[in-house]
Amino acid sequence: MMAETHTKSEVSTTTTTTSPTYAAPQKSSGISLCLQYFKTGPGIVKLVELLLGILCMACAAPAWTKGTHWFLFVVVTAFVSTSIWCFIYLLNLKSAINLPIDWLLTELLNTVITTLLYLIAVIVQFCSILMEPQRNIAAGVFGVFNMLTYAVGSFYLYRDWKDSHPHSSFSGSVLKRNP
């Protein structure tokens, strides 16, 4: 006996909408473990930022010059702030804490400031390669890579913030009221 073949065709329709890179989970009443964020683009970028931060700290660890002291200060501060944001996403604290905070804007400002501080720190690190030049150059190169990673993270956050705030408070008649 021959197997029957069905000629019924299924048609699926797809709609394209612009949605944020990371859609936050539904509101919950408390702290819960949320690993889905680290499977998205911004989550992977955060993990890469942490990994490159560890490499920067390892390469520049005993700071012999003032420039390397500044570089390590920026790297450690960025590492701690990125770790805090990772824990906020990992434990789903954004929905568990009921505070009037624009979380995306806060994270965007943090990431943009960190990117600019990394730019300054990398320039200072490259200018202070007097002692242990190979190690300081490696720290500076990893710093450049981490600065670029923070810039990509800033782009993701800006895009998500713009998608969630379609009409900015700085647009419209406020700018046109010039007497």
N, C-alpha and C. Protein backbone atom coordinates (compact mmCIF):
# COMPACT_ATOMS: atom_id res chain seq x y z
N MET A 1 0.82 -1.17 0.00
CA MET A 1 0.00 0.00 0.00
C MET A 1 0.87 1.25 0.00
N MET A 2 0.47 2.21 -0.73
CA MET A 2 1.24 3.43 -0.84
C MET A 2 0.79 4.43 0.22
N ALA A 3 1.74 5.16 0.70
CA ALA A 3 1.43 6.17 1.72
C ALA A 3 0.69 7.32 1.06
N GLU A 4 -0.28 7.82 1.76
CA GLU A 4 -1.05 8.94 1.22
C GLU A 4 -0.26 10.23 1.40
N THR A 5 -0.33 11.06 0.39
CA THR A 5 0.31 12.37 0.49
C THR A 5 -0.77 13.41 0.56
N HIS A 6 -0.56 14.33 1.41
CA HIS A 6 -1.53 15.41 1.55
C HIS A 6 -1.09 16.58 0.70
N THR A 7 -2.01 17.12 -0.04
CA THR A 7 -1.70 18.25 -0.91
C THR A 7 -2.16 19.55 -0.29
N LYS A 8 -2.51 19.48 0.96
CA LYS A 8 -2.98 20.68 1.63
C LYS A 8 -1.78 21.57 1.91
N SER A 9 -1.85 22.78 1.45
CA SER A 9 -0.73 23.71 1.66
C SER A 9 -1.09 24.67 2.80
N GLU A 10 -0.08 24.89 3.60
CA GLU A 10 -0.28 25.81 4.71
C GLU A 10 0.40 27.13 4.36
N VAL A 11 -0.36 28.19 4.54
CA VAL A 11 0.16 29.51 4.24
C VAL A 11 0.27 30.27 5.55
N SER A 12 1.43 30.76 5.81
CA SER A 12 1.60 31.54 7.02
C SER A 12 1.91 32.98 6.63
N THR A 13 1.35 33.88 7.37
CA THR A 13 1.59 35.29 7.11
C THR A 13 2.51 35.83 8.18
N THR A 14 3.40 36.68 7.77
CA THR A 14 4.30 37.31 8.72
C THR A 14 4.15 38.81 8.60
N THR A 15 4.24 39.46 9.72
CA THR A 15 4.19 40.91 9.73
C THR A 15 5.52 41.40 10.27
N THR A 16 5.98 42.49 9.72
CA THR A 16 7.24 43.05 10.18
C THR A 16 6.94 44.29 11.00
N THR A 17 7.38 44.27 12.21
CA THR A 17 7.26 45.43 13.08
C THR A 17 8.62 45.69 13.70
N THR A 18 8.83 46.93 14.04
CA THR A 18 10.08 47.26 14.72
C THR A 18 9.86 47.09 16.21
N SER A 19 10.63 46.22 16.79
CA SER A 19 10.53 46.00 18.23
C SER A 19 11.90 46.18 18.84
N PRO A 20 11.94 46.46 20.13
CA PRO A 20 13.24 46.63 20.76
C PRO A 20 14.07 45.36 20.65
N THR A 21 15.38 45.53 20.75
CA THR A 21 16.29 44.40 20.66
C THR A 21 16.00 43.38 21.74
N TYR A 22 15.66 43.87 22.91
CA TYR A 22 15.37 42.97 24.02
C TYR A 22 14.03 43.35 24.60
N ALA A 23 13.06 42.45 24.52
CA ALA A 23 11.76 42.68 25.13
C ALA A 23 11.81 42.15 26.55
N ALA A 24 11.54 43.02 27.49
CA ALA A 24 11.60 42.63 28.90
C ALA A 24 10.50 41.62 29.20
N PRO A 25 10.76 40.71 30.13
CA PRO A 25 9.74 39.75 30.48
C PRO A 25 8.54 40.43 31.13
N GLN A 26 7.46 39.70 31.22
CA GLN A 26 6.24 40.24 31.81
C GLN A 26 6.50 40.64 33.26
N LYS A 27 5.71 41.60 33.74
CA LYS A 27 5.85 42.06 35.10
C LYS A 27 5.62 40.91 36.06
N SER A 28 6.51 40.79 37.01
CA SER A 28 6.35 39.75 38.02
C SER A 28 6.35 40.42 39.38
N SER A 29 5.98 39.64 40.38
CA SER A 29 5.86 40.21 41.72
C SER A 29 7.18 40.22 42.47
N GLY A 30 8.19 39.55 41.97
CA GLY A 30 9.44 39.51 42.72
C GLY A 30 10.62 39.22 41.83
N ILE A 31 11.70 38.85 42.47
CA ILE A 31 12.94 38.56 41.78
C ILE A 31 12.87 37.16 41.18
N SER A 32 13.26 37.05 39.91
CA SER A 32 13.27 35.75 39.25
C SER A 32 14.49 35.68 38.35
N LEU A 33 14.94 34.49 38.08
CA LEU A 33 16.11 34.28 37.24
C LEU A 33 15.70 34.42 35.76
N CYS A 34 16.41 35.26 35.04
CA CYS A 34 16.06 35.54 33.64
C CYS A 34 17.33 35.44 32.79
N LEU A 35 17.50 34.31 32.12
CA LEU A 35 18.67 34.10 31.28
C LEU A 35 18.45 34.46 29.82
N GLN A 36 17.21 34.79 29.43
CA GLN A 36 16.91 35.08 28.03
C GLN A 36 17.66 36.31 27.53
N TYR A 37 17.92 37.27 28.42
CA TYR A 37 18.60 38.49 28.00
C TYR A 37 19.98 38.20 27.44
N PHE A 38 20.67 37.22 28.00
CA PHE A 38 22.04 36.95 27.58
C PHE A 38 22.11 36.13 26.30
N LYS A 39 20.96 35.85 25.70
CA LYS A 39 20.91 35.21 24.39
C LYS A 39 20.63 36.22 23.28
N THR A 40 20.43 37.48 23.66
CA THR A 40 20.17 38.54 22.70
C THR A 40 21.46 39.29 22.38
N GLY A 41 21.40 40.16 21.40
CA GLY A 41 22.56 40.95 21.01
C GLY A 41 23.13 41.80 22.14
N PRO A 42 22.30 42.62 22.82
CA PRO A 42 22.84 43.42 23.92
C PRO A 42 23.39 42.58 25.07
N GLY A 43 22.79 41.44 25.33
CA GLY A 43 23.29 40.57 26.40
C GLY A 43 24.65 39.98 26.07
N ILE A 44 24.82 39.59 24.82
CA ILE A 44 26.12 39.06 24.38
C ILE A 44 27.17 40.16 24.42
N VAL A 45 26.78 41.38 24.06
CA VAL A 45 27.70 42.51 24.11
C VAL A 45 28.15 42.76 25.55
N LYS A 46 27.22 42.66 26.51
CA LYS A 46 27.60 42.84 27.92
C LYS A 46 28.59 41.79 28.38
N LEU A 47 28.38 40.55 27.97
CA LEU A 47 29.31 39.48 28.36
C LEU A 47 30.69 39.69 27.73
N VAL A 48 30.72 40.19 26.49
CA VAL A 48 32.00 40.48 25.83
C VAL A 48 32.69 41.65 26.54
N GLU A 49 31.91 42.65 26.97
CA GLU A 49 32.49 43.77 27.73
C GLU A 49 33.16 43.27 29.01
N LEU A 50 32.50 42.35 29.70
CA LEU A 50 33.09 41.79 30.92
C LEU A 50 34.36 41.01 30.63
N LEU A 51 34.34 40.20 29.58
CA LEU A 51 35.52 39.40 29.23
C LEU A 51 36.70 40.30 28.84
N LEU A 52 36.45 41.31 28.01
CA LEU A 52 37.52 42.22 27.62
C LEU A 52 38.00 43.06 28.80
N GLY A 53 37.11 43.38 29.72
CA GLY A 53 37.51 44.10 30.93
C GLY A 53 38.46 43.28 31.77
N ILE A 54 38.21 41.97 31.88
CA ILE A 54 39.12 41.09 32.62
C ILE A 54 40.49 41.05 31.94
N LEU A 55 40.50 40.99 30.61
CA LEU A 55 41.78 40.99 29.88
C LEU A 55 42.53 42.31 30.07
N CYS A 56 41.80 43.43 30.06
CA CYS A 56 42.45 44.73 30.29
C CYS A 56 43.06 44.80 31.69
N MET A 57 42.31 44.32 32.68
CA MET A 57 42.83 44.33 34.05
C MET A 57 44.04 43.42 34.19
N ALA A 58 44.03 42.28 33.52
CA ALA A 58 45.14 41.34 33.62
C ALA A 58 46.40 41.90 32.97
N CYS A 59 46.24 42.60 31.86
CA CYS A 59 47.42 43.12 31.16
C CYS A 59 48.02 44.34 31.85
N ALA A 60 47.20 45.16 32.49
CA ALA A 60 47.70 46.40 33.08
C ALA A 60 47.78 46.34 34.60
N ALA A 61 47.64 45.15 35.17
CA ALA A 61 47.45 44.98 36.61
C ALA A 61 48.46 45.70 37.50
N PRO A 62 49.74 45.43 37.53
CA PRO A 62 50.57 46.26 38.41
C PRO A 62 50.87 47.58 37.71
N ALA A 63 50.19 48.62 38.13
CA ALA A 63 50.32 49.92 37.48
C ALA A 63 51.60 50.61 37.95
N TRP A 64 52.52 50.84 37.02
CA TRP A 64 53.78 51.49 37.34
C TRP A 64 53.76 52.97 36.99
N THR A 65 52.87 53.39 36.13
CA THR A 65 52.81 54.80 35.73
C THR A 65 51.45 55.38 36.10
N LYS A 66 51.38 56.71 36.13
CA LYS A 66 50.12 57.38 36.47
C LYS A 66 49.07 57.13 35.39
N GLY A 67 49.50 57.03 34.16
CA GLY A 67 48.56 56.75 33.07
C GLY A 67 47.92 55.38 33.21
N THR A 68 48.70 54.40 33.64
CA THR A 68 48.15 53.07 33.84
C THR A 68 47.23 53.04 35.05
N HIS A 69 47.51 53.88 36.06
CA HIS A 69 46.60 53.99 37.20
C HIS A 69 45.23 54.48 36.72
N TRP A 70 45.23 55.50 35.87
CA TRP A 70 43.97 56.02 35.33
C TRP A 70 43.27 54.96 34.48
N PHE A 71 44.04 54.28 33.65
CA PHE A 71 43.47 53.23 32.80
C PHE A 71 42.81 52.14 33.66
N LEU A 72 43.50 51.69 34.70
CA LEU A 72 42.93 50.66 35.57
C LEU A 72 41.71 51.17 36.32
N PHE A 73 41.72 52.44 36.72
CA PHE A 73 40.54 53.01 37.38
C PHE A 73 39.32 52.95 36.46
N VAL A 74 39.49 53.35 35.22
CA VAL A 74 38.38 53.32 34.26
C VAL A 74 37.94 51.88 33.99
N VAL A 75 38.89 50.98 33.80
CA VAL A 75 38.55 49.58 33.49
C VAL A 75 37.79 48.94 34.66
N VAL A 76 38.26 49.14 35.88
CA VAL A 76 37.61 48.52 37.04
C VAL A 76 36.23 49.15 37.27
N THR A 77 36.12 50.47 37.12
CA THR A 77 34.82 51.12 37.29
C THR A 77 33.83 50.62 36.24
N ALA A 78 34.26 50.50 35.00
CA ALA A 78 33.39 49.99 33.94
C ALA A 78 33.01 48.54 34.19
N PHE A 79 33.97 47.75 34.67
CA PHE A 79 33.70 46.34 34.96
C PHE A 79 32.66 46.20 36.07
N VAL A 80 32.79 47.00 37.12
CA VAL A 80 31.83 46.93 38.22
C VAL A 80 30.44 47.38 37.77
N SER A 81 30.36 48.48 37.02
CA SER A 81 29.05 48.96 36.58
C SER A 81 28.40 47.98 35.60
N THR A 82 29.18 47.38 34.71
CA THR A 82 28.64 46.39 33.79
C THR A 82 28.19 45.14 34.54
N SER A 83 28.94 44.76 35.56
CA SER A 83 28.53 43.61 36.37
C SER A 83 27.21 43.89 37.08
N ILE A 84 27.03 45.10 37.58
CA ILE A 84 25.77 45.46 38.24
C ILE A 84 24.62 45.38 37.25
N TRP A 85 24.83 45.89 36.02
CA TRP A 85 23.76 45.81 35.02
C TRP A 85 23.46 44.37 34.63
N CYS A 86 24.50 43.53 34.60
CA CYS A 86 24.26 42.11 34.31
C CYS A 86 23.42 41.46 35.39
N PHE A 87 23.70 41.80 36.65
CA PHE A 87 22.88 41.25 37.74
C PHE A 87 21.47 41.80 37.71
N ILE A 88 21.30 43.05 37.30
CA ILE A 88 19.95 43.61 37.18
C ILE A 88 19.14 42.82 36.15
N TYR A 89 19.77 42.49 35.03
CA TYR A 89 19.07 41.71 34.00
C TYR A 89 18.94 40.24 34.40
N LEU A 90 19.95 39.69 35.03
CA LEU A 90 19.92 38.28 35.41
C LEU A 90 18.83 38.00 36.44
N LEU A 91 18.66 38.88 37.41
CA LEU A 91 17.67 38.68 38.46
C LEU A 91 16.35 39.38 38.17
N ASN A 92 16.22 39.98 37.00
CA ASN A 92 14.99 40.64 36.58
C ASN A 92 14.58 41.73 37.57
N LEU A 93 15.54 42.50 38.02
CA LEU A 93 15.29 43.52 39.03
C LEU A 93 14.55 44.74 38.48
N LYS A 94 14.59 44.93 37.17
CA LYS A 94 13.91 46.08 36.59
C LYS A 94 12.41 46.02 36.83
N SER A 95 11.84 44.82 36.80
CA SER A 95 10.40 44.70 37.05
C SER A 95 10.11 44.45 38.52
N ALA A 96 11.10 44.01 39.29
CA ALA A 96 10.87 43.74 40.72
C ALA A 96 10.94 45.01 41.56
N ILE A 97 11.73 45.98 41.12
CA ILE A 97 11.87 47.23 41.87
C ILE A 97 10.91 48.26 41.29
N ASN A 98 10.05 48.78 42.13
CA ASN A 98 9.05 49.75 41.68
C ASN A 98 9.52 51.16 41.98
N LEU A 99 10.41 51.65 41.16
CA LEU A 99 10.90 53.02 41.27
C LEU A 99 10.66 53.74 39.95
N PRO A 100 10.41 55.05 40.02
CA PRO A 100 10.17 55.78 38.77
C PRO A 100 11.48 56.09 38.04
N ILE A 101 12.10 55.05 37.53
CA ILE A 101 13.38 55.20 36.84
C ILE A 101 13.20 54.79 35.38
N ASP A 102 13.72 55.59 34.49
CA ASP A 102 13.78 55.19 33.09
C ASP A 102 15.05 54.35 32.94
N TRP A 103 14.89 53.03 33.06
CA TRP A 103 16.02 52.11 33.11
C TRP A 103 16.87 52.18 31.84
N LEU A 104 16.21 52.25 30.68
CA LEU A 104 16.96 52.30 29.42
C LEU A 104 17.80 53.57 29.32
N LEU A 105 17.23 54.70 29.71
CA LEU A 105 17.97 55.95 29.64
C LEU A 105 19.14 55.94 30.63
N THR A 106 18.92 55.40 31.82
CA THR A 106 19.98 55.31 32.81
C THR A 106 21.13 54.44 32.31
N GLU A 107 20.78 53.29 31.74
CA GLU A 107 21.81 52.40 31.21
C GLU A 107 22.50 53.01 30.00
N LEU A 108 21.74 53.70 29.16
CA LEU A 108 22.33 54.36 27.99
C LEU A 108 23.34 55.42 28.42
N LEU A 109 22.98 56.25 29.38
CA LEU A 109 23.91 57.28 29.85
C LEU A 109 25.16 56.65 30.47
N ASN A 110 24.97 55.60 31.25
CA ASN A 110 26.11 54.90 31.86
C ASN A 110 27.03 54.36 30.77
N THR A 111 26.49 53.74 29.74
CA THR A 111 27.30 53.13 28.70
C THR A 111 28.00 54.18 27.85
N VAL A 112 27.33 55.28 27.56
CA VAL A 112 27.95 56.35 26.76
C VAL A 112 29.10 57.00 27.54
N ILE A 113 28.88 57.26 28.83
CA ILE A 113 29.94 57.85 29.65
C ILE A 113 31.12 56.88 29.76
N THR A 114 30.83 55.60 29.92
CA THR A 114 31.90 54.60 29.99
C THR A 114 32.68 54.55 28.69
N THR A 115 32.00 54.66 27.56
CA THR A 115 32.68 54.66 26.26
C THR A 115 33.63 55.85 26.15
N LEU A 116 33.18 57.03 26.56
CA LEU A 116 34.04 58.21 26.49
C LEU A 116 35.22 58.11 27.46
N LEU A 117 34.98 57.57 28.66
CA LEU A 117 36.08 57.39 29.61
C LEU A 117 37.09 56.37 29.09
N TYR A 118 36.60 55.32 28.43
CA TYR A 118 37.51 54.34 27.83
C TYR A 118 38.36 55.00 26.74
N LEU A 119 37.77 55.88 25.94
CA LEU A 119 38.52 56.57 24.89
C LEU A 119 39.66 57.37 25.51
N ILE A 120 39.35 58.13 26.56
CA ILE A 120 40.38 58.92 27.23
C ILE A 120 41.44 58.02 27.86
N ALA A 121 40.99 56.94 28.52
CA ALA A 121 41.92 56.04 29.20
C ALA A 121 42.84 55.32 28.23
N VAL A 122 42.34 54.96 27.06
CA VAL A 122 43.17 54.28 26.06
C VAL A 122 44.23 55.24 25.53
N ILE A 123 43.85 56.48 25.29
CA ILE A 123 44.82 57.47 24.81
C ILE A 123 45.91 57.68 25.87
N VAL A 124 45.50 57.81 27.13
CA VAL A 124 46.47 57.98 28.21
C VAL A 124 47.35 56.75 28.34
N GLN A 125 46.77 55.57 28.21
CA GLN A 125 47.54 54.33 28.33
C GLN A 125 48.60 54.24 27.23
N PHE A 126 48.24 54.58 26.01
CA PHE A 126 49.22 54.53 24.93
C PHE A 126 50.31 55.59 25.09
N CYS A 127 49.97 56.70 25.73
CA CYS A 127 50.98 57.75 25.95
C CYS A 127 51.93 57.42 27.10
N SER A 128 51.58 56.45 27.93
CA SER A 128 52.41 56.15 29.11
C SER A 128 53.04 54.76 29.02
N ILE A 129 53.58 54.43 27.88
CA ILE A 129 54.18 53.10 27.74
C ILE A 129 55.70 53.18 27.91
N LEU A 130 56.12 53.70 29.06
CA LEU A 130 57.55 53.80 29.34
C LEU A 130 58.11 52.51 29.91
N MET A 131 57.44 51.97 30.93
CA MET A 131 57.89 50.74 31.58
C MET A 131 57.00 49.60 31.13
N GLU A 132 57.59 48.45 30.88
CA GLU A 132 56.84 47.27 30.42
C GLU A 132 56.02 47.60 29.16
N PRO A 133 56.66 47.96 28.06
CA PRO A 133 55.89 48.41 26.90
C PRO A 133 55.00 47.35 26.27
N GLN A 134 55.42 46.08 26.26
CA GLN A 134 54.59 45.06 25.62
C GLN A 134 53.28 44.88 26.36
N ARG A 135 53.36 44.84 27.68
CA ARG A 135 52.17 44.62 28.48
C ARG A 135 51.23 45.82 28.41
N ASN A 136 51.80 47.02 28.45
CA ASN A 136 50.97 48.22 28.38
C ASN A 136 50.34 48.39 27.01
N ILE A 137 51.04 47.98 25.97
CA ILE A 137 50.45 48.05 24.62
C ILE A 137 49.31 47.05 24.51
N ALA A 138 49.48 45.86 25.05
CA ALA A 138 48.42 44.86 25.01
C ALA A 138 47.20 45.35 25.78
N ALA A 139 47.42 45.98 26.93
CA ALA A 139 46.30 46.51 27.70
C ALA A 139 45.58 47.60 26.90
N GLY A 140 46.34 48.45 26.23
CA GLY A 140 45.73 49.49 25.41
C GLY A 140 44.95 48.93 24.24
N VAL A 141 45.47 47.89 23.60
CA VAL A 141 44.76 47.28 22.47
C VAL A 141 43.45 46.64 22.95
N PHE A 142 43.51 45.90 24.06
CA PHE A 142 42.27 45.34 24.60
C PHE A 142 41.32 46.45 25.04
N GLY A 143 41.87 47.57 25.50
CA GLY A 143 41.04 48.73 25.85
C GLY A 143 40.33 49.30 24.64
N VAL A 144 41.03 49.34 23.50
CA VAL A 144 40.39 49.82 22.26
C VAL A 144 39.23 48.89 21.88
N PHE A 145 39.48 47.58 21.96
CA PHE A 145 38.42 46.62 21.63
C PHE A 145 37.23 46.77 22.58
N ASN A 146 37.51 46.99 23.86
CA ASN A 146 36.42 47.14 24.82
C ASN A 146 35.69 48.47 24.61
N MET A 147 36.42 49.51 24.24
CA MET A 147 35.77 50.79 23.94
C MET A 147 34.81 50.63 22.76
N LEU A 148 35.25 49.89 21.73
CA LEU A 148 34.37 49.65 20.58
C LEU A 148 33.17 48.80 20.96
N THR A 149 33.37 47.85 21.86
CA THR A 149 32.26 47.03 22.33
C THR A 149 31.26 47.86 23.11
N TYR A 150 31.74 48.78 23.95
CA TYR A 150 30.84 49.68 24.66
C TYR A 150 30.11 50.62 23.69
N ALA A 151 30.77 51.01 22.61
CA ALA A 151 30.10 51.84 21.60
C ALA A 151 28.97 51.06 20.92
N VAL A 152 29.20 49.78 20.63
CA VAL A 152 28.12 48.94 20.06
C VAL A 152 26.98 48.80 21.07
N GLY A 153 27.32 48.60 22.33
CA GLY A 153 26.29 48.53 23.37
C GLY A 153 25.51 49.82 23.48
N SER A 154 26.19 50.96 23.33
CA SER A 154 25.51 52.26 23.34
C SER A 154 24.55 52.38 22.17
N PHE A 155 24.97 51.89 21.01
CA PHE A 155 24.09 51.92 19.84
C PHE A 155 22.83 51.09 20.08
N TYR A 156 22.99 49.87 20.60
CA TYR A 156 21.82 49.03 20.90
C TYR A 156 20.89 49.72 21.90
N LEU A 157 21.45 50.29 22.94
CA LEU A 157 20.62 50.94 23.95
C LEU A 157 19.93 52.18 23.40
N TYR A 158 20.64 52.96 22.57
CA TYR A 158 20.01 54.14 21.97
C TYR A 158 18.86 53.73 21.06
N ARG A 159 19.07 52.69 20.28
CA ARG A 159 18.01 52.22 19.38
C ARG A 159 16.80 51.74 20.17
N ASP A 160 17.03 50.99 21.25
CA ASP A 160 15.93 50.52 22.08
C ASP A 160 15.22 51.68 22.77
N TRP A 161 16.00 52.66 23.23
CA TRP A 161 15.40 53.81 23.91
C TRP A 161 14.56 54.63 22.93
N LYS A 162 15.05 54.81 21.70
CA LYS A 162 14.29 55.55 20.70
C LYS A 162 13.01 54.81 20.32
N ASP A 163 13.07 53.46 20.25
CA ASP A 163 11.88 52.69 19.93
C ASP A 163 10.84 52.76 21.05
N SER A 164 11.29 52.86 22.29
CA SER A 164 10.34 52.91 23.40
C SER A 164 9.86 54.34 23.69
N HIS A 165 10.53 55.35 23.16
CA HIS A 165 10.14 56.75 23.31
C HIS A 165 10.02 57.38 21.93
N PRO A 166 8.93 57.12 21.20
CA PRO A 166 8.86 57.62 19.82
C PRO A 166 8.80 59.13 19.72
N HIS A 167 8.21 59.79 20.71
CA HIS A 167 8.12 61.25 20.68
C HIS A 167 8.92 61.80 21.83
N SER A 168 10.00 62.41 21.51
CA SER A 168 10.86 62.97 22.54
C SER A 168 10.27 64.26 23.07
N SER A 169 10.59 64.60 24.31
CA SER A 169 10.08 65.84 24.89
C SER A 169 10.76 67.07 24.30
N PHE A 170 11.82 66.89 23.53
CA PHE A 170 12.52 68.01 22.94
C PHE A 170 12.06 68.31 21.52
N SER A 171 11.03 67.65 21.05
CA SER A 171 10.55 67.90 19.70
C SER A 171 9.24 68.68 19.76
N GLY A 172 8.84 69.14 18.64
CA GLY A 172 7.55 69.82 18.57
C GLY A 172 7.68 71.31 18.78
N SER A 173 6.65 71.89 19.42
CA SER A 173 6.57 73.34 19.55
C SER A 173 7.56 73.92 20.55
N VAL A 174 8.18 73.12 21.37
CA VAL A 174 9.13 73.63 22.36
C VAL A 174 10.32 74.26 21.64
N LEU A 175 10.79 73.65 20.58
CA LEU A 175 11.92 74.20 19.86
C LEU A 175 11.52 75.35 18.94
N LYS A 176 10.25 75.48 18.62
CA LYS A 176 9.80 76.52 17.70
C LYS A 176 9.34 77.78 18.41
N ARG A 177 9.38 77.82 19.76
CA ARG A 177 8.89 78.97 20.50
C ARG A 177 9.94 80.06 20.65
N ASN A 178 10.79 80.25 19.73
CA ASN A 178 11.83 81.25 19.82
C ASN A 178 11.26 82.62 19.46
N PRO A 179 11.10 83.55 20.42
CA PRO A 179 10.48 84.85 20.10
C PRO A 179 11.36 85.77 19.31
